Protein backbone atom coordinates (compact mmCIF):
# COMPACT_ATOMS: atom_id res chain seq x y z
CA GLN A 1 62.20 206.02 301.77
CA VAL A 2 62.78 203.16 299.30
CA GLN A 3 61.89 203.50 295.43
CA LEU A 4 61.36 200.36 293.33
CA VAL A 5 61.67 200.29 289.68
CA GLU A 6 60.45 197.11 287.81
CA SER A 7 61.46 195.91 284.40
CA GLY A 8 61.22 192.86 282.42
CA GLY A 9 57.38 192.32 281.62
CA GLY A 10 55.73 191.69 278.35
CA LEU A 11 54.00 189.42 276.04
CA VAL A 12 55.15 185.87 275.53
CA GLN A 13 53.51 182.58 274.32
CA ALA A 14 52.45 179.76 276.54
CA GLY A 15 55.67 177.70 277.64
CA GLY A 16 57.94 180.58 277.06
CA SER A 17 60.15 182.60 279.70
CA LEU A 18 60.36 185.91 281.09
CA ARG A 19 62.75 187.52 283.73
CA LEU A 20 61.54 190.44 285.83
CA SER A 21 63.90 192.81 287.61
CA CYS A 22 63.17 195.21 290.57
CA ALA A 23 66.00 197.53 291.60
CA ALA A 24 65.72 199.34 294.98
CA SER A 25 67.17 202.77 295.65
CA GLY A 26 67.08 205.27 298.48
CA THR A 27 67.37 203.95 302.05
CA THR A 28 68.34 200.19 301.07
CA PHE A 29 70.62 199.35 304.03
CA SER A 30 67.63 197.64 305.79
CA LEU A 31 66.10 195.73 302.95
CA ASN A 32 65.00 192.47 304.51
CA ILE A 33 62.54 190.80 302.50
CA MET A 34 62.19 191.16 298.83
CA GLY A 35 59.44 189.68 296.82
CA TRP A 36 56.94 189.43 293.85
CA TYR A 37 53.05 189.62 294.14
CA ARG A 38 50.75 189.45 291.24
CA GLN A 39 47.16 190.67 290.63
CA ALA A 40 45.02 189.40 287.61
CA PRO A 41 41.76 191.19 286.57
CA GLY A 42 39.16 190.63 289.13
CA GLN A 43 41.31 188.79 291.52
CA GLN A 44 43.09 189.50 294.79
CA ARG A 45 46.79 190.46 294.80
CA GLU A 46 48.64 187.23 295.60
CA LEU A 47 52.33 186.32 296.70
CA VAL A 48 54.34 184.77 293.99
CA ALA A 49 57.70 184.57 295.66
CA ARG A 50 59.90 186.09 298.27
CA ILE A 51 63.40 185.90 299.38
CA THR A 52 64.99 186.91 302.69
CA SER A 53 68.39 188.90 303.16
CA LEU A 54 70.09 185.53 303.86
CA GLY A 55 68.69 183.79 300.77
CA TYR A 56 65.75 181.89 302.27
CA THR A 57 62.99 181.59 299.65
CA ASP A 58 59.09 180.96 299.50
CA TYR A 59 56.99 180.17 296.66
CA ALA A 60 53.22 180.00 295.89
CA ASP A 61 52.32 176.31 295.04
CA SER A 62 51.25 177.49 291.62
CA VAL A 63 54.58 178.47 290.58
CA LYS A 64 56.92 175.98 292.48
CA GLY A 65 59.12 174.23 289.85
CA ARG A 66 58.58 177.05 287.27
CA PHE A 67 59.76 180.22 288.88
CA THR A 68 62.97 181.20 290.57
CA ILE A 69 63.48 184.21 292.75
CA SER A 70 66.92 185.56 293.52
CA ARG A 71 68.52 188.64 294.72
CA ASP A 72 71.75 190.58 294.24
CA ASN A 73 72.29 192.45 297.46
CA ASN A 74 75.20 194.50 296.33
CA LYS A 75 72.80 195.92 293.55
CA ASN A 76 69.75 195.93 295.66
CA THR A 77 68.02 194.07 293.11
CA VAL A 78 65.44 191.05 292.97
CA TYR A 79 64.73 189.05 290.03
CA LEU A 80 62.13 186.61 289.18
CA GLN A 81 62.92 183.94 286.38
CA MET A 82 59.74 182.53 285.26
CA ASN A 83 59.88 179.59 282.99
CA SER A 84 57.03 177.30 281.52
CA LEU A 85 54.54 180.23 281.45
CA LYS A 86 51.02 179.50 281.57
CA PRO A 87 48.09 181.81 280.45
CA GLU A 88 47.13 181.84 284.03
CA ASP A 89 50.23 183.54 285.02
CA THR A 90 48.89 186.61 283.04
CA ALA A 91 48.83 189.48 285.68
CA VAL A 92 50.36 192.70 286.95
CA TYR A 93 53.39 191.73 288.81
CA TYR A 94 54.33 194.00 291.61
CA CYS A 95 57.81 194.19 293.47
CA ASN A 96 57.58 194.31 297.20
CA VAL A 97 59.96 195.14 300.00
CA ARG A 98 59.92 194.87 303.75
CA THR A 99 62.46 196.57 305.54
CA SER A 100 64.06 195.65 308.96
CA GLN A 101 61.68 198.18 310.67
CA SER A 102 58.76 196.38 308.85
CA VAL A 103 57.92 199.18 306.43
CA ILE A 104 56.54 197.88 303.16
CA TYR A 105 57.15 199.43 299.68
CA TRP A 106 55.62 198.52 296.52
CA GLY A 107 56.83 198.92 292.87
CA GLN A 108 54.55 200.30 290.16
CA GLY A 109 53.76 196.97 288.51
CA THR A 110 54.74 195.42 285.29
CA GLN A 111 52.44 193.57 283.01
CA VAL A 112 53.00 189.96 282.16
CA THR A 113 50.66 188.46 279.52
CA VAL A 114 50.92 184.84 278.34
CA SER A 115 49.06 183.85 275.29
CA SER A 116 47.79 180.50 274.58
């Protein structure tokens, strides 16, 4: 089992920045892909960014150049640095982990609100 604890969400004005963190605990030796998804009201959950254990990254087109995903394997933590935030980035952001056995875990979600 893997437990995920997210932090760093909040309210920010357009153009501002936030940094999300997600710390994994439990059976963490097999963490493979770590990432962030988001879900806005009335919308489907969508991939924001993900990073493999070797550091390969993948971003949604809507956040490329503004968001940066990183991870600290020693701390079993994944980060999402969000810059130049826009009102359309407003959503609940969820941490997501896929183990090497392809088991998927989700965090509880953290609200990000960007005011115009």
